[in-house]
């Protein structure tokens, strides 16, 4: 018996479906191979990139990157050249971390950014400049690095200043250990005043003298102002040079900072300590001892 035309026609959809399934499977396999190849290329590029020099940055350390690209330490003696290159790297790292903190919008961004800027100020401070002063050419390179850091830090410092301006004015809070002035950058304890043996003492930001003391009439008046909780009155009262100021107060920006947010440096004459310097996040430097 000859095949029925109707039966042949009925078999067509099954054949078409089978072909369609094969094509779908083909495209699926092709897609998987393409995706695998793309991932392999990305991985190869990632590994190669680690071995290739990074392109010049256009981020927060542009001026420092230009100095590094010029290899400013090339003409220096090895003892200075290595230190200079490392110092440029450290400064760029601090600026990058401050930049990331301010752009991240996370809690504590102001505190972290101010800390990183302060660390950069210390890295270009008195101690490092004294070290480079042993060589005229090294001192000149150091001055260029300091200038580049200040230029790169300027927009970050402006943003830090804007955020500091939004913080509450100097505040005193009562805690078990005494009266505490809060840091403008982090809100933590900047300095704690304690009553001891008829005097008032407070920890200092100094690396040499750890405590500041006020006795006699000054101590009595200071104790009264502290008990009133008037931070402004306390700071104004200590502003006189014969009262040694407040250890953690920056008069120029009218803010109190903790030890973490002050760059503290010392000046020595041989083995004699001659002066202490403090620089706040905004770059205000003062001699405080």
C-alpha atoms as a PDB file:
ATOM      1  CA  UNK A   1       0.000   0.000   0.000  1.00  0.00           C
ATOM      2  CA  UNK A   2       1.357   3.392  -0.888  1.00  0.00           C
ATOM      3  CA  UNK A   3       2.021   5.930   1.918  1.00  0.00           C
ATOM      4  CA  UNK A   4      -0.789   8.281   2.685  1.00  0.00           C
ATOM      5  CA  UNK A   5      -0.103  11.918   1.741  1.00  0.00           C
ATOM      6  CA  UNK A   6      -2.017  13.021   4.788  1.00  0.00           C
ATOM      7  CA  UNK A   7       0.205  10.919   7.076  1.00  0.00           C
ATOM      8  CA  UNK A   8       3.351  12.493   5.535  1.00  0.00           C
ATOM      9  CA  UNK A   9       1.974  15.942   6.104  1.00  0.00           C
ATOM     10  CA  UNK A  10       1.289  15.118   9.749  1.00  0.00           C
ATOM     11  CA  UNK A  11       4.917  14.149  10.254  1.00  0.00           C
ATOM     12  CA  UNK A  12       6.214  17.534   9.095  1.00  0.00           C
ATOM     13  CA  UNK A  13       5.672  19.431  12.386  1.00  0.00           C
ATOM     14  CA  UNK A  14       7.649  16.745  14.273  1.00  0.00           C
ATOM     15  CA  UNK A  15      10.565  17.109  11.872  1.00  0.00           C
ATOM     16  CA  UNK A  16      10.462  20.904  12.112  1.00  0.00           C
ATOM     17  CA  UNK A  17      10.399  20.728  15.905  1.00  0.00           C
ATOM     18  CA  UNK A  18      13.417  18.425  15.944  1.00  0.00           C
ATOM     19  CA  UNK A  19      15.373  20.747  13.663  1.00  0.00           C
ATOM     20  CA  UNK A  20      14.410  23.744  15.758  1.00  0.00           C
ATOM     21  CA  UNK A  21      15.665  22.002  18.917  1.00  0.00           C
ATOM     22  CA  UNK A  22      18.985  21.231  17.240  1.00  0.00           C
ATOM     23  CA  UNK A  23      19.392  24.847  16.177  1.00  0.00           C
ATOM     24  CA  UNK A  24      18.569  26.062  19.699  1.00  0.00           C
ATOM     25  CA  UNK A  25      21.126  23.679  21.170  1.00  0.00           C
ATOM     26  CA  UNK A  26      23.658  24.843  18.598  1.00  0.00           C
ATOM     27  CA  UNK A  27      23.177  28.510  19.490  1.00  0.00           C
ATOM     28  CA  UNK A  28      23.282  27.688  23.190  1.00  0.00           C
ATOM     29  CA  UNK A  29      26.618  25.914  22.837  1.00  0.00           C
ATOM     30  CA  UNK A  30      27.936  28.751  20.663  1.00  0.00           C
ATOM     31  CA  UNK A  31      26.856  31.299  23.265  1.00  0.00           C
ATOM     32  CA  UNK A  32      28.568  29.385  26.044  1.00  0.00           C
ATOM     33  CA  UNK A  33      31.775  29.165  24.025  1.00  0.00           C
ATOM     34  CA  UNK A  34      31.641  32.897  23.256  1.00  0.00           C
ATOM     35  CA  UNK A  35      31.074  33.789  26.909  1.00  0.00           C
ATOM     36  CA  UNK A  36      33.920  31.494  27.967  1.00  0.00           C
ATOM     37  CA  UNK A  37      36.241  33.069  25.428  1.00  0.00           C
ATOM     38  CA  UNK A  38      35.295  36.553  26.622  1.00  0.00           C
ATOM     39  CA  UNK A  39      36.000  35.613  30.246  1.00  0.00           C
ATOM     40  CA  UNK A  40      39.344  34.113  29.236  1.00  0.00           C
ATOM     41  CA  UNK A  41      40.311  37.315  27.410  1.00  0.00           C
ATOM     42  CA  UNK A  42      39.343  39.427  30.436  1.00  0.00           C
ATOM     43  CA  UNK A  43      41.408  37.204  32.742  1.00  0.00           C
ATOM     44  CA  UNK A  44      44.435  37.350  30.427  1.00  0.00           C
ATOM     45  CA  UNK A  45      44.152  41.146  30.241  1.00  0.00           C
ATOM     46  CA  UNK A  46      43.856  41.382  34.026  1.00  0.00           C
ATOM     47  CA  UNK A  47      47.025  39.359  34.508  1.00  0.00           C
ATOM     48  CA  UNK A  48      48.935  41.272  31.863  1.00  0.00           C
ATOM     49  CA  UNK A  49      47.846  44.573  33.368  1.00  0.00           C
ATOM     50  CA  UNK A  50      49.535  43.651  36.633  1.00  0.00           C
ATOM     51  CA  UNK A  51      52.844  43.431  34.777  1.00  0.00           C
ATOM     52  CA  UNK A  52      52.380  46.611  32.755  1.00  0.00           C
ATOM     53  CA  UNK A  53      53.079  50.068  34.182  1.00  0.00           C
ATOM     54  CA  UNK A  54      49.906  51.813  35.243  1.00  0.00           C
ATOM     55  CA  UNK A  55      48.883  54.850  33.167  1.00  0.00           C
ATOM     56  CA  UNK A  56      49.361  58.288  34.742  1.00  0.00           C
ATOM     57  CA  UNK A  57      46.674  59.066  37.260  1.00  0.00           C
ATOM     58  CA  UNK A  58      44.156  61.814  36.688  1.00  0.00           C
ATOM     59  CA  UNK A  59      42.900  61.512  40.253  1.00  0.00           C
ATOM     60  CA  UNK A  60      43.643  63.479  43.428  1.00  0.00           C
ATOM     61  CA  UNK A  61      47.455  63.163  43.186  1.00  0.00           C
ATOM     62  CA  UNK A  62      48.072  64.600  39.733  1.00  0.00           C
ATOM     63  CA  UNK A  63      50.917  66.943  40.742  1.00  0.00           C
ATOM     64  CA  UNK A  64      52.696  64.232  42.711  1.00  0.00           C
ATOM     65  CA  UNK A  65      52.283  61.811  39.815  1.00  0.00           C
ATOM     66  CA  UNK A  66      53.932  64.341  37.502  1.00  0.00           C
ATOM     67  CA  UNK A  67      56.910  64.549  39.883  1.00  0.00           C
ATOM     68  CA  UNK A  68      57.162  60.793  40.002  1.00  0.00           C
ATOM     69  CA  UNK A  69      56.953  60.530  36.215  1.00  0.00           C
ATOM     70  CA  UNK A  70      59.778  63.067  35.928  1.00  0.00           C
ATOM     71  CA  UNK A  71      61.822  60.887  38.274  1.00  0.00           C
ATOM     72  CA  UNK A  72      62.807  63.876  40.408  1.00  0.00           C
ATOM     73  CA  UNK A  73      64.861  61.631  42.698  1.00  0.00           C
ATOM     74  CA  UNK A  74      67.047  60.370  39.850  1.00  0.00           C
ATOM     75  CA  UNK A  75      69.829  62.890  40.468  1.00  0.00           C
ATOM     76  CA  UNK A  76      69.951  62.298  44.238  1.00  0.00           C
ATOM     77  CA  UNK A  77      72.264  60.029  46.156  1.00  0.00           C
ATOM     78  CA  UNK A  78      70.826  56.582  46.767  1.00  0.00           C
ATOM     79  CA  UNK A  79      70.257  57.256  50.468  1.00  0.00           C
ATOM     80  CA  UNK A  80      67.856  60.078  49.537  1.00  0.00           C
ATOM     81  CA  UNK A  81      66.513  58.778  46.209  1.00  0.00           C
ATOM     82  CA  UNK A  82      64.859  55.703  47.680  1.00  0.00           C
ATOM     83  CA  UNK A  83      63.330  57.677  50.513  1.00  0.00           C
ATOM     84  CA  UNK A  84      61.978  60.329  48.159  1.00  0.00           C
ATOM     85  CA  UNK A  85      60.328  57.781  45.876  1.00  0.00           C
ATOM     86  CA  UNK A  86      58.748  56.046  48.843  1.00  0.00           C
ATOM     87  CA  UNK A  87      57.550  59.361  50.257  1.00  0.00           C
ATOM     88  CA  UNK A  88      55.851  60.320  46.980  1.00  0.00           C
ATOM     89  CA  UNK A  89      54.113  56.931  46.942  1.00  0.00           C
ATOM     90  CA  UNK A  90      52.981  57.317  50.569  1.00  0.00           C
ATOM     91  CA  UNK A  91      51.587  60.799  49.926  1.00  0.00           C
ATOM     92  CA  UNK A  92      49.706  59.651  46.837  1.00  0.00           C
ATOM     93  CA  UNK A  93      48.242  56.804  48.847  1.00  0.00           C
ATOM     94  CA  UNK A  94      47.013  59.172  51.577  1.00  0.00           C
ATOM     95  CA  UNK A  95      45.410  61.486  49.027  1.00  0.00           C
ATOM     96  CA  UNK A  96      43.711  58.580  47.288  1.00  0.00           C
ATOM     97  CA  UNK A  97      42.298  57.289  50.574  1.00  0.00           C
ATOM     98  CA  UNK A  98      41.040  60.750  51.549  1.00  0.00           C
ATOM     99  CA  UNK A  99      39.485  61.181  48.108  1.00  0.00           C
ATOM    100  CA  UNK A 100      37.755  57.794  48.307  1.00  0.00           C
ATOM    101  CA  UNK A 101      36.430  58.546  51.794  1.00  0.00           C
ATOM    102  CA  UNK A 102      34.904  61.873  50.780  1.00  0.00           C
ATOM    103  CA  UNK A 103      33.364  60.413  47.624  1.00  0.00           C
ATOM    104  CA  UNK A 104      32.094  57.266  49.332  1.00  0.00           C
ATOM    105  CA  UNK A 105      29.571  59.004  51.547  1.00  0.00           C
ATOM    106  CA  UNK A 106      30.068  56.460  54.326  1.00  0.00           C
ATOM    107  CA  UNK A 107      29.729  57.335  58.030  1.00  0.00           C
ATOM    108  CA  UNK A 108      33.052  58.569  59.342  1.00  0.00           C
ATOM    109  CA  UNK A 109      34.141  59.914  55.937  1.00  0.00           C
ATOM    110  CA  UNK A 110      35.146  63.284  57.418  1.00  0.00           C
ATOM    111  CA  UNK A 111      37.176  61.633  60.170  1.00  0.00           C
ATOM    112  CA  UNK A 112      39.032  59.315  57.772  1.00  0.00           C
ATOM    113  CA  UNK A 113      39.713  62.001  55.153  1.00  0.00           C
ATOM    114  CA  UNK A 114      40.988  64.470  57.769  1.00  0.00           C
ATOM    115  CA  UNK A 115      43.211  61.773  59.257  1.00  0.00           C
ATOM    116  CA  UNK A 116      44.784  60.955  55.883  1.00  0.00           C
ATOM    117  CA  UNK A 117      45.442  64.620  55.112  1.00  0.00           C
ATOM    118  CA  UNK A 118      47.029  65.064  58.552  1.00  0.00           C
ATOM    119  CA  UNK A 119      49.244  62.039  57.908  1.00  0.00           C
ATOM    120  CA  UNK A 120      50.349  63.659  54.652  1.00  0.00           C
ATOM    121  CA  UNK A 121      51.174  66.883  56.468  1.00  0.00           C
ATOM    122  CA  UNK A 122      53.328  64.963  58.906  1.00  0.00           C
ATOM    123  CA  UNK A 123      55.089  63.139  56.061  1.00  0.00           C
ATOM    124  CA  UNK A 124      56.095  66.523  54.603  1.00  0.00           C
ATOM    125  CA  UNK A 125      56.719  68.117  58.000  1.00  0.00           C
ATOM    126  CA  UNK A 126      59.672  69.309  60.038  1.00  0.00           C
ATOM    127  CA  UNK A 127      61.286  65.921  60.668  1.00  0.00           C
ATOM    128  CA  UNK A 128      61.409  64.969  56.994  1.00  0.00           C
ATOM    129  CA  UNK A 129      62.638  68.432  55.967  1.00  0.00           C
ATOM    130  CA  UNK A 130      65.460  68.204  58.521  1.00  0.00           C
ATOM    131  CA  UNK A 131      66.473  64.849  57.087  1.00  0.00           C
ATOM    132  CA  UNK A 132      66.598  66.214  53.531  1.00  0.00           C
ATOM    133  CA  UNK A 133      68.455  69.350  54.638  1.00  0.00           C
ATOM    134  CA  UNK A 134      71.687  67.334  54.698  1.00  0.00           C
ATOM    135  CA  UNK A 135      71.710  67.682  50.900  1.00  0.00           C
ATOM    136  CA  UNK A 136      70.864  70.885  49.027  1.00  0.00           C
ATOM    137  CA  UNK A 137      69.489  69.009  46.023  1.00  0.00           C
ATOM    138  CA  UNK A 138      67.431  66.706  48.256  1.00  0.00           C
ATOM    139  CA  UNK A 139      66.041  69.709  50.123  1.00  0.00           C
ATOM    140  CA  UNK A 140      64.977  71.269  46.813  1.00  0.00           C
ATOM    141  CA  UNK A 141      63.241  68.074  45.741  1.00  0.00           C
ATOM    142  CA  UNK A 142      61.572  67.884  49.151  1.00  0.00           C
ATOM    143  CA  UNK A 143      60.237  71.412  48.703  1.00  0.00           C
ATOM    144  CA  UNK A 144      58.784  70.434  45.316  1.00  0.00           C
ATOM    145  CA  UNK A 145      57.086  67.410  46.845  1.00  0.00           C
ATOM    146  CA  UNK A 146      55.654  69.462  49.695  1.00  0.00           C
ATOM    147  CA  UNK A 147      54.293  72.020  47.226  1.00  0.00           C
ATOM    148  CA  UNK A 148      52.824  69.280  45.006  1.00  0.00           C
ATOM    149  CA  UNK A 149      51.125  67.649  47.992  1.00  0.00           C
ATOM    150  CA  UNK A 150      49.589  70.939  49.090  1.00  0.00           C
ATOM    151  CA  UNK A 151      48.328  71.586  45.570  1.00  0.00           C
ATOM    152  CA  UNK A 152      46.828  68.107  45.236  1.00  0.00           C
ATOM    153  CA  UNK A 153      45.307  68.276  48.715  1.00  0.00           C
ATOM    154  CA  UNK A 154      43.669  71.679  48.222  1.00  0.00           C
ATOM    155  CA  UNK A 155      40.319  70.503  46.798  1.00  0.00           C
ATOM    156  CA  UNK A 156      40.117  67.796  49.460  1.00  0.00           C
ATOM    157  CA  UNK A 157      40.935  70.287  52.203  1.00  0.00           C
ATOM    158  CA  UNK A 158      38.250  72.640  50.891  1.00  0.00           C
ATOM    159  CA  UNK A 159      35.690  69.845  51.149  1.00  0.00           C
ATOM    160  CA  UNK A 160      36.900  68.932  54.637  1.00  0.00           C
ATOM    161  CA  UNK A 161      36.575  72.595  55.654  1.00  0.00           C
ATOM    162  CA  UNK A 162      33.012  72.669  54.300  1.00  0.00           C
ATOM    163  CA  UNK A 163      32.081  69.596  56.310  1.00  0.00           C
ATOM    164  CA  UNK A 164      33.790  70.884  59.445  1.00  0.00           C
ATOM    165  CA  UNK A 165      31.784  74.093  59.169  1.00  0.00           C
ATOM    166  CA  UNK A 166      28.627  71.998  59.376  1.00  0.00           C
ATOM    167  CA  UNK A 167      29.740  70.393  62.657  1.00  0.00           C
ATOM    168  CA  UNK A 168      28.641  71.766  66.050  1.00  0.00           C
ATOM    169  CA  UNK A 169      30.814  74.373  67.723  1.00  0.00           C
ATOM    170  CA  UNK A 170      33.311  73.280  70.375  1.00  0.00           C
ATOM    171  CA  UNK A 171      31.472  71.154  72.923  1.00  0.00           C
ATOM    172  CA  UNK A 172      32.217  70.010  76.475  1.00  0.00           C
ATOM    173  CA  UNK A 173      30.594  66.863  77.836  1.00  0.00           C
ATOM    174  CA  UNK A 174      30.782  65.441  81.343  1.00  0.00           C
ATOM    175  CA  UNK A 175      32.207  61.941  81.601  1.00  0.00           C
ATOM    176  CA  UNK A 176      33.287  59.824  84.539  1.00  0.00           C
ATOM    177  CA  UNK A 177      36.931  60.739  84.125  1.00  0.00           C
ATOM    178  CA  UNK A 178      36.314  64.485  83.848  1.00  0.00           C
ATOM    179  CA  UNK A 179      35.217  67.137  81.373  1.00  0.00           C
ATOM    180  CA  UNK A 180      35.829  66.263  77.739  1.00  0.00           C
ATOM    181  CA  UNK A 181      36.241  68.502  74.713  1.00  0.00           C
ATOM    182  CA  UNK A 182      35.096  66.684  71.562  1.00  0.00           C
ATOM    183  CA  UNK A 183      37.055  66.536  68.314  1.00  0.00           C
ATOM    184  CA  UNK A 184      35.483  68.453  65.421  1.00  0.00           C
ATOM    185  CA  UNK A 185      36.584  65.813  62.904  1.00  0.00           C
ATOM    186  CA  UNK A 186      35.418  62.608  64.598  1.00  0.00           C
ATOM    187  CA  UNK A 187      33.285  63.626  67.573  1.00  0.00           C
ATOM    188  CA  UNK A 188      35.446  61.593  69.961  1.00  0.00           C
ATOM    189  CA  UNK A 189      37.397  62.828  72.968  1.00  0.00           C
ATOM    190  CA  UNK A 190      40.028  65.381  71.984  1.00  0.00           C
ATOM    191  CA  UNK A 191      41.158  66.368  75.457  1.00  0.00           C
ATOM    192  CA  UNK A 192      39.983  65.409  78.935  1.00  0.00           C
ATOM    193  CA  UNK A 193      40.337  67.836  81.844  1.00  0.00           C
ATOM    194  CA  UNK A 194      40.692  66.232  85.272  1.00  0.00           C
ATOM    195  CA  UNK A 195      40.889  67.674  88.763  1.00  0.00           C
ATOM    196  CA  UNK A 196      43.931  66.365  90.593  1.00  0.00           C
ATOM    197  CA  UNK A 197      45.619  67.569  93.789  1.00  0.00           C
ATOM    198  CA  UNK A 198      43.959  70.980  93.609  1.00  0.00           C
ATOM    199  CA  UNK A 199      44.975  71.535  89.978  1.00  0.00           C
ATOM    200  CA  UNK A 200      43.510  70.822  86.563  1.00  0.00           C
ATOM    201  CA  UNK A 201      45.414  68.537  84.224  1.00  0.00           C
ATOM    202  CA  UNK A 202      44.782  67.425  80.640  1.00  0.00           C
ATOM    203  CA  UNK A 203      46.542  65.104  78.255  1.00  0.00           C
ATOM    204  CA  UNK A 204      48.568  66.999  75.679  1.00  0.00           C
ATOM    205  CA  UNK A 205      48.954  66.411  71.958  1.00  0.00           C
ATOM    206  CA  UNK A 206      52.713  66.655  72.551  1.00  0.00           C
ATOM    207  CA  UNK A 207      54.949  63.681  71.859  1.00  0.00           C
ATOM    208  CA  UNK A 208      57.351  64.894  74.559  1.00  0.00           C
ATOM    209  CA  UNK A 209      55.232  66.302  77.380  1.00  0.00           C
ATOM    210  CA  UNK A 210      52.196  64.104  77.835  1.00  0.00           C
ATOM    211  CA  UNK A 211      50.278  66.304  80.298  1.00  0.00           C
ATOM    212  CA  UNK A 212      49.465  69.999  80.678  1.00  0.00           C
ATOM    213  CA  UNK A 213      48.816  71.400  84.174  1.00  0.00           C
ATOM    214  CA  UNK A 214      47.011  74.494  85.424  1.00  0.00           C
ATOM    215  CA  UNK A 215      47.303  75.323  89.124  1.00  0.00           C
ATOM    216  CA  UNK A 216      46.610  78.175  91.526  1.00  0.00           C
ATOM    217  CA  UNK A 217      44.038  80.781  90.537  1.00  0.00           C
ATOM    218  CA  UNK A 218      44.164  79.650  86.914  1.00  0.00           C
ATOM    219  CA  UNK A 219      43.274  76.098  87.878  1.00  0.00           C
ATOM    220  CA  UNK A 220      40.437  77.276  90.139  1.00  0.00           C
ATOM    221  CA  UNK A 221      38.934  79.501  87.456  1.00  0.00           C
ATOM    222  CA  UNK A 222      39.307  76.771  84.846  1.00  0.00           C
ATOM    223  CA  UNK A 223      37.551  74.277  87.115  1.00  0.00           C
ATOM    224  CA  UNK A 224      34.647  76.693  87.498  1.00  0.00           C
ATOM    225  CA  UNK A 225      34.301  77.217  83.731  1.00  0.00           C
ATOM    226  CA  UNK A 226      34.470  73.479  83.110  1.00  0.00           C
ATOM    227  CA  UNK A 227      31.728  72.826  85.640  1.00  0.00           C
ATOM    228  CA  UNK A 228      29.539  75.315  83.759  1.00  0.00           C
ATOM    229  CA  UNK A 229      30.066  73.321  80.548  1.00  0.00           C
ATOM    230  CA  UNK A 230      30.892  76.428  78.524  1.00  0.00           C
ATOM    231  CA  UNK A 231      33.456  75.325  75.943  1.00  0.00           C
ATOM    232  CA  UNK A 232      33.736  78.778  74.405  1.00  0.00           C
ATOM    233  CA  UNK A 233      34.545  80.338  77.780  1.00  0.00           C
ATOM    234  CA  UNK A 234      37.149  77.645  78.514  1.00  0.00           C
ATOM    235  CA  UNK A 235      38.910  78.163  75.187  1.00  0.00           C
ATOM    236  CA  UNK A 236      38.849  81.951  75.504  1.00  0.00           C
ATOM    237  CA  UNK A 237      40.211  81.786  79.039  1.00  0.00           C
ATOM    238  CA  UNK A 238      43.097  79.537  77.995  1.00  0.00           C
ATOM    239  CA  UNK A 239      43.921  81.709  74.967  1.00  0.00           C
ATOM    240  CA  UNK A 240      46.383  83.798  76.974  1.00  0.00           C
ATOM    241  CA  UNK A 241      50.018  82.694  76.434  1.00  0.00           C
ATOM    242  CA  UNK A 242      50.665  82.486  80.179  1.00  0.00           C
ATOM    243  CA  UNK A 243      47.887  79.866  80.436  1.00  0.00           C
ATOM    244  CA  UNK A 244      49.474  77.594  77.810  1.00  0.00           C
ATOM    245  CA  UNK A 245      46.381  77.548  75.603  1.00  0.00           C
ATOM    246  CA  UNK A 246      44.253  74.452  75.191  1.00  0.00           C
ATOM    247  CA  UNK A 247      46.443  71.566  73.976  1.00  0.00           C
ATOM    248  CA  UNK A 248      44.006  70.501  71.262  1.00  0.00           C
ATOM    249  CA  UNK A 249      42.650  73.847  70.050  1.00  0.00           C
ATOM    250  CA  UNK A 250      43.426  75.397  66.656  1.00  0.00           C
ATOM    251  CA  UNK A 251      42.777  79.148  66.978  1.00  0.00           C
ATOM    252  CA  UNK A 252      42.811  79.817  63.221  1.00  0.00           C
ATOM    253  CA  UNK A 253      39.926  77.545  62.344  1.00  0.00           C
ATOM    254  CA  UNK A 254      38.403  77.762  65.832  1.00  0.00           C
ATOM    255  CA  UNK A 255      38.157  73.981  66.183  1.00  0.00           C
ATOM    256  CA  UNK A 256      39.304  71.347  68.634  1.00  0.00           C
ATOM    257  CA  UNK A 257      40.987  68.211  67.278  1.00  0.00           C
ATOM    258  CA  UNK A 258      42.067  64.944  68.834  1.00  0.00           C
ATOM    259  CA  UNK A 259      45.604  63.581  68.571  1.00  0.00           C
ATOM    260  CA  UNK A 260      44.642  61.530  65.517  1.00  0.00           C
ATOM    261  CA  UNK A 261      43.653  64.660  63.630  1.00  0.00           C
ATOM    262  CA  UNK A 262      46.718  66.736  64.423  1.00  0.00           C
ATOM    263  CA  UNK A 263      50.083  66.424  62.714  1.00  0.00           C
ATOM    264  CA  UNK A 264      52.516  66.868  65.607  1.00  0.00           C
ATOM    265  CA  UNK A 265      56.192  67.441  64.929  1.00  0.00           C
ATOM    266  CA  UNK A 266      59.164  68.368  67.091  1.00  0.00           C
ATOM    267  CA  UNK A 267      62.221  70.553  66.707  1.00  0.00           C
ATOM    268  CA  UNK A 268      65.467  69.406  68.287  1.00  0.00           C
ATOM    269  CA  UNK A 269      68.881  70.949  68.763  1.00  0.00           C
ATOM    270  CA  UNK A 270      71.131  67.928  69.087  1.00  0.00           C
ATOM    271  CA  UNK A 271      69.533  66.103  72.017  1.00  0.00           C
ATOM    272  CA  UNK A 272      67.619  69.144  73.307  1.00  0.00           C
ATOM    273  CA  UNK A 273      63.925  69.514  72.584  1.00  0.00           C
ATOM    274  CA  UNK A 274      63.324  73.111  71.523  1.00  0.00           C
ATOM    275  CA  UNK A 275      59.767  73.323  70.150  1.00  0.00           C
ATOM    276  CA  UNK A 276      56.624  71.398  69.252  1.00  0.00           C
ATOM    277  CA  UNK A 277      54.507  72.145  66.189  1.00  0.00           C
ATOM    278  CA  UNK A 278      50.927  71.121  65.476  1.00  0.00           C
ATOM    279  CA  UNK A 279      49.189  71.278  62.092  1.00  0.00           C
ATOM    280  CA  UNK A 280      45.453  70.750  61.812  1.00  0.00           C
ATOM    281  CA  UNK A 281      43.676  69.127  58.817  1.00  0.00           C
ATOM    282  CA  UNK A 282      43.176  72.532  57.190  1.00  0.00           C
ATOM    283  CA  UNK A 283      46.910  73.249  57.270  1.00  0.00           C
ATOM    284  CA  UNK A 284      47.072  75.754  60.145  1.00  0.00           C
ATOM    285  CA  UNK A 285      50.413  75.253  61.847  1.00  0.00           C
ATOM    286  CA  UNK A 286      51.188  76.592  65.305  1.00  0.00           C
ATOM    287  CA  UNK A 287      54.023  76.270  67.769  1.00  0.00           C
ATOM    288  CA  UNK A 288      52.387  75.005  70.938  1.00  0.00           C
ATOM    289  CA  UNK A 289      55.392  74.351  73.196  1.00  0.00           C
END
